[in-house]
Each structure stands twice: as C-alpha cells, then as structure tokens.
Amino acid sequence: MPTRDLIREYRIYLKAEKGLAKNSVEAYSRDLAKLAAWAERVGVEVAELDERDLREWMTDLSVERLTETSRRRYLSSIRGFFKFLAMEGHISKDPTANLMTAARTFYLPRFLNSAEVEKLLSTPDVETKTGLRDRAIFEVMYACGLRVSELANLKLGELDLESGILTTTGKGSKTRKVPIGGSAVEWLRRYFAVRKPKQPSEMVFLGDRGRQLDRHAIHRIIKEYAEKCGFEGVSAHTLRHSFATHLVQNDADIRSVQLMLGHADISTTQIYTHVTGKQLKKNYERFHPRAASK
C-alpha cells in the first residue's frame, strides 16, 4: 500500500478512534510528511524504515535546533505511527520500540579521531577482492563525506581519478563536485584492477555477484568492521561526520565544508563548529594550568 495511504489511514485512526483534536492530528501529519519526504530522498518507503534509518533521520533533525517540545512530538508522532502499522499488520516489527527518550535521541553521532579512522581503514584484508572493495568504500566515504545513499549510487562516469574529483547527486537532486584525495584515488585504482564483474555495470561498488551494493549492505559492512575494531555506535554517518569535523578542526573554511557536504543552509554545517568548540574546551580544561578554578 502506498505510504501516503498509510499516513491517511493513521490520520483517520487518530481522529475517529483516538479522538485527537484537529490541531494535534495536523501536527502529527506534518511530522510524518517530513519523515516521508526524507524517506523518499533516500529511496525507502516509510513503512520499510528500520530503527537505524529512524536514528539517521533524527540525526539529520538535530541540526534544526528543535525545542524540547518539538523533539518529543516528533518521537510521539513516529512511535504512534509505527505502533499503528504493527497493530494493523502492515509491518511485523515496530522499529521505534528501542528508541531512546527525546532528550537523548537528537544528537550528532560520534565522530572518530584520526587514530580511530586509521584503525578502521586498515581493518579490511586488502589481499582479497572484497577487502579491497571495502577499503575503497571507507576511503571514499571518509575522503569525500558522502551520505551512504550517495556512495551506493556512485557511478563510474562520476569519477575523475585523474583530476581527483567525483560528482554526486544529493538531497533535492542537487549535484555537487567533491575532491577525492590521493589516498582514496589510490585505493579506488587498486579496487578497479580486480573489480571485473561478469556483466558490465556502471555502478562503482558491487557485491560478490556483480550487483550494486545498496545502502543497507554498506551499513552492514561498516558495522561489521567497526565491531572488529571494538567501536560502538559507528555507522556510515560517523564517517561523514568525521570528515566534516576533521576539516573544521584543521581550520577549513566553513563555506567550503558546506559545499562538500551538500548542505543547503550553512547553519546546518555550523554545528561542526560547536562540536569542535566542545573539544577545544575539553583540551583547554585538561591541559591549561589556569583552567581549574582556585
């Protein structure tokens, strides 16, 4: 059943069976419309979103500086909707069952420090074809700050290894060019030397059967290697945030970071200045002899 019909059914349920006021129903509907629009951008039906997807969506919302009331309403909206879908048999498992409280869900995922990034990047066994592919995936994600859907949909024709530039299409079908970086270029070349699918494919990253790796497969790959490294809470978003955070920490121009991330509004990018600001304060308090109060 199309997503919009499920949301409409839920609206009817809220009015007819739950007896909610018109304003409340409209507020929930706006929240779900926002979720549906996000799901469409990443190529998933709302009813097919899992817990990991919903956490990623809430991470995207974290940059909007929502009030506590708005945060709780968003959680209430999606929890009620997915509980309804489970009750009606549209889904077998409620993906919101384990979501944390509003105060702790809307946050930027952790970013890896340089040593952690190196550990993760060096984990794949590059003596194997799969290991070379996975190393290339990590290198490109960290070098370019791509969203997982952008990486999954990356085509051979969008790579210019000679110039060290890739072209990607992000949210709102907006195209941008991002520098690849020498290390990522090197690992892409090594991967392409063994890629050789049985059937020609324009997609860059392929599975063992020569088919395009989808976003869920890439999420699984990252999770498996992160667990081998002993890292908790690491996802595709973690590499994107590490990319941006390290650029800002090293005094990159915020406007340039905005362009590379594909953020429509620079205020979204500026959250990384807050992240690094916290790190600076932590270092100051740790190392400066006058940091502690007398």
Protein backbone atom coordinates (compact mmCIF):
# COMPACT_ATOMS: atom_id res chain seq x y z
CA MET A 1 0.00 0.00 0.00
CA PRO A 2 1.45 3.43 -0.86
CA THR A 3 2.96 5.39 2.01
CA ARG A 4 0.57 8.32 1.61
CA ASP A 5 -2.42 5.98 2.10
CA LEU A 6 -0.94 4.60 5.31
CA ILE A 7 -0.46 8.08 6.67
CA ARG A 8 -4.01 8.95 5.65
CA GLU A 9 -5.28 5.82 7.42
CA TYR A 10 -3.39 6.86 10.51
CA ARG A 11 -4.95 10.33 10.38
CA ILE A 12 -8.41 8.75 10.27
CA TYR A 13 -7.47 6.47 13.17
CA LEU A 14 -6.28 9.43 15.26
CA LYS A 15 -9.49 11.37 14.64
CA ALA A 16 -12.06 8.58 14.73
CA GLU A 17 -10.67 6.16 17.30
CA LYS A 18 -8.25 8.18 19.41
CA GLY A 19 -10.40 11.31 19.34
CA LEU A 20 -7.48 13.70 19.00
CA ALA A 21 -8.10 17.37 18.34
CA LYS A 22 -7.75 18.68 14.80
CA ASN A 23 -4.63 20.67 15.64
CA SER A 24 -2.92 17.61 17.14
CA VAL A 25 -3.76 15.47 14.11
CA GLU A 26 -2.40 18.13 11.78
CA ALA A 27 0.82 18.43 13.81
CA TYR A 28 1.39 14.67 13.69
CA SER A 29 0.60 14.68 9.98
CA ARG A 30 3.22 17.37 9.32
CA ASP A 31 5.82 15.37 11.21
CA LEU A 32 5.04 12.23 9.23
CA ALA A 33 5.04 14.16 5.95
CA LYS A 34 8.54 15.34 6.82
CA LEU A 35 9.60 11.76 7.54
CA ALA A 36 8.02 10.57 4.28
CA ALA A 37 9.89 13.24 2.30
CA TRP A 38 13.17 12.16 3.92
CA ALA A 39 12.44 8.51 3.18
CA GLU A 40 11.73 9.35 -0.46
CA ARG A 41 15.08 11.12 -0.75
CA VAL A 42 16.93 8.04 0.46
CA GLY A 43 14.81 5.72 -1.67
CA VAL A 44 12.82 3.87 1.01
CA GLU A 45 9.09 3.64 1.71
CA VAL A 46 8.17 4.94 5.18
CA ALA A 47 6.74 1.58 6.20
CA GLU A 48 10.08 -0.06 5.32
CA LEU A 49 12.21 2.19 7.54
CA ASP A 50 14.07 0.35 10.27
CA GLU A 51 15.46 1.55 13.60
CA ARG A 52 18.80 2.51 12.05
CA ASP A 53 17.02 4.63 9.41
CA LEU A 54 14.97 6.42 12.05
CA ARG A 55 18.07 7.21 14.10
CA GLU A 56 19.69 8.61 10.97
CA TRP A 57 16.63 10.75 10.30
CA MET A 58 16.65 12.08 13.86
CA THR A 59 20.34 12.85 13.49
CA ASP A 60 19.50 14.97 10.45
CA LEU A 61 16.84 16.74 12.53
CA SER A 62 19.37 17.50 15.27
CA VAL A 63 20.84 20.38 13.27
CA GLU A 64 17.50 22.21 13.28
CA ARG A 65 17.85 23.21 16.93
CA LEU A 66 14.37 21.99 17.80
CA THR A 67 12.75 22.81 21.10
CA GLU A 68 12.26 20.04 23.64
CA THR A 69 8.53 20.11 22.92
CA SER A 70 9.12 19.64 19.18
CA ARG A 71 11.55 16.80 19.79
CA ARG A 72 9.07 14.95 21.96
CA ARG A 73 6.29 15.49 19.43
CA TYR A 74 8.42 14.06 16.61
CA LEU A 75 9.11 10.97 18.68
CA SER A 76 5.47 10.69 19.65
CA SER A 77 4.44 11.03 16.00
CA ILE A 78 6.69 8.29 14.67
CA ARG A 79 6.13 5.96 17.61
CA GLY A 80 2.37 6.26 17.27
CA PHE A 81 2.51 5.76 13.51
CA PHE A 82 4.68 2.64 13.60
CA LYS A 83 2.72 1.19 16.51
CA PHE A 84 -0.39 1.66 14.35
CA LEU A 85 1.29 -0.04 11.36
CA ALA A 86 2.27 -3.01 13.54
CA MET A 87 -1.22 -3.23 15.03
CA GLU A 88 -2.78 -3.22 11.56
CA GLY A 89 -0.34 -5.85 10.27
CA HIS A 90 1.46 -3.62 7.77
CA ILE A 91 4.81 -4.33 9.46
CA SER A 92 5.97 -7.29 11.53
CA LYS A 93 8.24 -5.35 13.91
CA ASP A 94 7.95 -1.85 15.37
CA PRO A 95 11.27 -0.07 14.59
CA THR A 96 10.63 2.57 17.29
CA ALA A 97 10.46 0.07 20.17
CA ASN A 98 14.05 0.67 21.28
CA LEU A 99 14.39 4.37 20.53
CA MET A 100 15.71 6.36 23.47
CA THR A 101 13.97 9.30 25.07
CA ALA A 102 13.71 12.55 23.18
CA ALA A 103 16.39 14.26 25.22
CA ARG A 104 18.97 11.68 24.16
CA THR A 105 17.99 10.79 20.61
CA PHE A 106 18.57 14.08 18.83
CA TYR A 107 22.33 14.24 18.76
CA LEU A 108 25.20 14.17 16.34
CA PRO A 109 26.66 10.68 16.08
CA ARG A 110 30.14 10.36 17.48
CA PHE A 111 32.99 11.12 15.17
CA LEU A 112 36.19 9.10 15.04
CA ASN A 113 39.52 10.68 15.85
CA SER A 114 42.40 10.31 13.41
CA ALA A 115 43.81 7.18 15.07
CA GLU A 116 40.38 5.51 15.07
CA VAL A 117 39.87 6.36 11.40
CA GLU A 118 43.24 4.80 10.55
CA LYS A 119 42.34 1.68 12.53
CA LEU A 120 39.01 1.30 10.73
CA LEU A 121 40.52 1.95 7.30
CA SER A 122 43.26 -0.62 7.84
CA THR A 123 40.91 -3.41 9.02
CA PRO A 124 39.81 -4.87 5.63
CA ASP A 125 42.03 -7.66 4.27
CA VAL A 126 43.30 -5.99 1.11
CA GLU A 127 44.78 -9.26 -0.12
CA THR A 128 41.22 -10.17 -1.14
CA LYS A 129 38.91 -8.64 -3.72
CA THR A 130 36.22 -7.97 -1.11
CA GLY A 131 38.74 -6.41 1.24
CA LEU A 132 39.99 -4.08 -1.49
CA ARG A 133 36.42 -3.03 -2.23
CA ASP A 134 35.67 -2.38 1.44
CA ARG A 135 38.88 -0.39 1.91
CA ALA A 136 37.94 1.71 -1.12
CA ILE A 137 34.45 2.26 0.36
CA PHE A 138 35.91 3.52 3.64
CA GLU A 139 38.49 5.69 1.91
CA VAL A 140 35.91 7.37 -0.34
CA MET A 141 33.39 7.91 2.46
CA TYR A 142 35.97 9.48 4.73
CA ALA A 143 37.71 11.45 1.97
CA CYS A 144 34.52 12.87 0.50
CA GLY A 145 31.97 12.94 3.34
CA LEU A 146 29.33 11.22 1.21
CA ARG A 147 25.95 10.14 2.50
CA VAL A 148 25.55 6.36 2.31
CA SER A 149 22.88 6.69 -0.42
CA GLU A 150 25.28 8.86 -2.45
CA LEU A 151 28.02 6.25 -2.16
CA ALA A 152 25.66 3.41 -3.07
CA ASN A 153 24.53 5.26 -6.22
CA LEU A 154 28.00 6.38 -7.31
CA LYS A 155 28.65 5.60 -10.99
CA LEU A 156 31.92 5.04 -12.82
CA GLY A 157 31.24 8.04 -15.05
CA GLU A 158 31.03 10.28 -12.00
CA LEU A 159 34.64 9.60 -11.04
CA ASP A 160 37.54 11.56 -12.50
CA LEU A 161 40.55 9.92 -10.92
CA GLU A 162 43.00 11.95 -12.97
CA SER A 163 41.64 15.21 -11.57
CA GLY A 164 40.77 13.70 -8.18
CA ILE A 165 37.13 14.83 -8.36
CA LEU A 166 33.84 12.98 -8.09
CA THR A 167 30.33 14.18 -8.92
CA THR A 168 27.44 13.15 -6.72
CA THR A 169 23.73 13.92 -6.54
CA GLY A 170 22.43 14.56 -3.04
CA LYS A 171 19.25 15.76 -1.39
CA GLY A 172 16.87 17.69 -3.58
CA SER A 173 18.55 16.17 -6.67
CA LYS A 174 21.35 18.73 -6.29
CA THR A 175 24.63 17.84 -7.95
CA ARG A 176 27.96 18.77 -6.41
CA LYS A 177 31.64 18.07 -7.05
CA VAL A 178 33.87 16.85 -4.23
CA PRO A 179 37.66 16.33 -4.13
CA ILE A 180 38.54 12.66 -3.71
CA GLY A 181 42.03 12.87 -2.24
CA GLY A 182 45.16 10.94 -3.15
CA SER A 183 44.69 8.03 -0.76
CA ALA A 184 41.12 7.34 -1.90
CA VAL A 185 42.20 7.58 -5.55
CA GLU A 186 44.93 5.02 -4.93
CA TRP A 187 42.57 2.53 -3.30
CA LEU A 188 39.95 3.02 -6.00
CA ARG A 189 42.56 2.19 -8.63
CA ARG A 190 43.55 -0.95 -6.73
CA TYR A 191 39.90 -1.95 -6.41
CA PHE A 192 39.21 -1.34 -10.10
CA ALA A 193 42.14 -3.61 -11.00
CA VAL A 194 40.24 -6.58 -9.50
CA ARG A 195 36.62 -5.39 -9.88
CA LYS A 196 35.85 -7.09 -13.24
CA PRO A 197 32.17 -8.14 -12.93
CA LYS A 198 30.78 -10.89 -15.19
CA GLN A 199 28.18 -8.46 -16.52
CA PRO A 200 29.11 -4.82 -17.22
CA SER A 201 27.88 -2.41 -14.55
CA GLU A 202 28.05 1.38 -14.34
CA MET A 203 27.94 1.30 -10.53
CA VAL A 204 31.23 1.71 -8.69
CA PHE A 205 30.72 -0.60 -5.72
CA LEU A 206 29.44 -4.10 -6.41
CA GLY A 207 28.59 -7.15 -4.34
CA ASP A 208 30.04 -10.62 -4.84
CA ARG A 209 27.51 -11.35 -7.59
CA GLY A 210 28.34 -8.22 -9.51
CA ARG A 211 25.24 -6.31 -8.45
CA GLN A 212 25.10 -2.83 -6.98
CA LEU A 213 25.65 -2.64 -3.23
CA ASP A 214 22.62 -0.94 -1.72
CA ARG A 215 22.71 1.35 1.31
CA HIS A 216 21.69 -1.42 3.69
CA ALA A 217 24.57 -3.62 2.55
CA ILE A 218 27.03 -0.74 3.04
CA HIS A 219 25.62 -0.12 6.52
CA ARG A 220 26.21 -3.81 7.35
CA ILE A 221 29.77 -3.70 6.03
CA ILE A 222 30.65 -0.67 8.14
CA LYS A 223 29.03 -2.13 11.24
CA GLU A 224 30.92 -5.43 10.90
CA TYR A 225 34.32 -3.75 10.58
CA ALA A 226 33.54 -1.29 13.38
CA GLU A 227 32.72 -4.20 15.68
CA LYS A 228 36.04 -5.82 14.78
CA CYS A 229 37.73 -2.59 15.87
CA GLY A 230 35.76 -2.52 19.11
CA PHE A 231 33.93 0.68 18.14
CA GLU A 232 30.35 1.19 19.31
CA GLY A 233 27.74 3.31 17.58
CA VAL A 234 29.73 3.66 14.36
CA SER A 235 27.76 3.99 11.13
CA ALA A 236 28.07 5.47 7.65
CA HIS A 237 27.06 8.79 9.21
CA THR A 238 30.04 8.52 11.57
CA LEU A 239 32.47 8.67 8.66
CA ARG A 240 30.62 11.64 7.16
CA HIS A 241 30.73 13.48 10.48
CA SER A 242 34.39 12.56 10.97
CA PHE A 243 35.16 14.03 7.55
CA ALA A 244 33.46 17.32 8.39
CA THR A 245 34.72 17.55 11.96
CA HIS A 246 38.35 16.96 10.98
CA LEU A 247 38.13 19.60 8.26
CA VAL A 248 36.76 22.18 10.70
CA GLN A 249 39.28 21.18 13.38
CA ASN A 250 42.03 21.89 10.89
CA ASP A 251 40.65 25.35 10.08
CA ALA A 252 38.90 24.56 6.80
CA ASP A 253 36.64 27.34 5.55
CA ILE A 254 33.10 26.59 6.75
CA ARG A 255 31.64 27.58 3.38
CA SER A 256 33.88 25.02 1.63
CA VAL A 257 32.80 22.33 4.08
CA GLN A 258 29.16 23.26 3.42
CA LEU A 259 29.65 22.81 -0.33
CA MET A 260 31.42 19.48 0.05
CA LEU A 261 28.72 18.12 2.37
CA GLY A 262 25.94 19.38 0.12
CA HIS A 263 24.16 21.32 2.88
CA ALA A 264 21.59 23.76 1.55
CA ASP A 265 21.92 26.05 4.57
CA ILE A 266 25.25 26.96 6.16
CA SER A 267 23.62 26.88 9.61
CA THR A 268 23.48 23.10 9.21
CA THR A 269 27.25 22.98 8.67
CA GLN A 270 27.97 25.30 11.57
CA ILE A 271 27.04 22.61 14.06
CA TYR A 272 30.55 21.24 13.45
CA THR A 273 32.00 24.41 14.90
CA HIS A 274 30.07 23.61 18.09
CA VAL A 275 31.40 20.06 18.11
CA THR A 276 34.99 21.21 17.74
CA GLY A 277 34.39 24.01 20.20
CA LYS A 278 33.50 21.44 22.83
CA GLN A 279 36.65 19.51 22.01
CA LEU A 280 38.75 22.68 22.31
CA LYS A 281 37.20 23.44 25.70
CA LYS A 282 37.87 19.88 26.85
CA ASN A 283 41.51 20.13 25.81
CA TYR A 284 41.82 23.55 27.44
CA GLU A 285 40.45 22.30 30.74
CA ARG A 286 42.72 19.28 30.59
CA PHE A 287 45.99 20.98 29.73
CA HIS A 288 45.89 24.69 30.66
CA PRO A 289 47.36 25.36 34.13
CA ARG A 290 44.84 28.13 34.80
CA ALA A 291 41.75 26.24 33.60
CA ALA A 292 40.69 24.97 37.02
CA SER A 293 39.08 27.40 39.45
CA LYS A 294 41.07 28.16 42.57
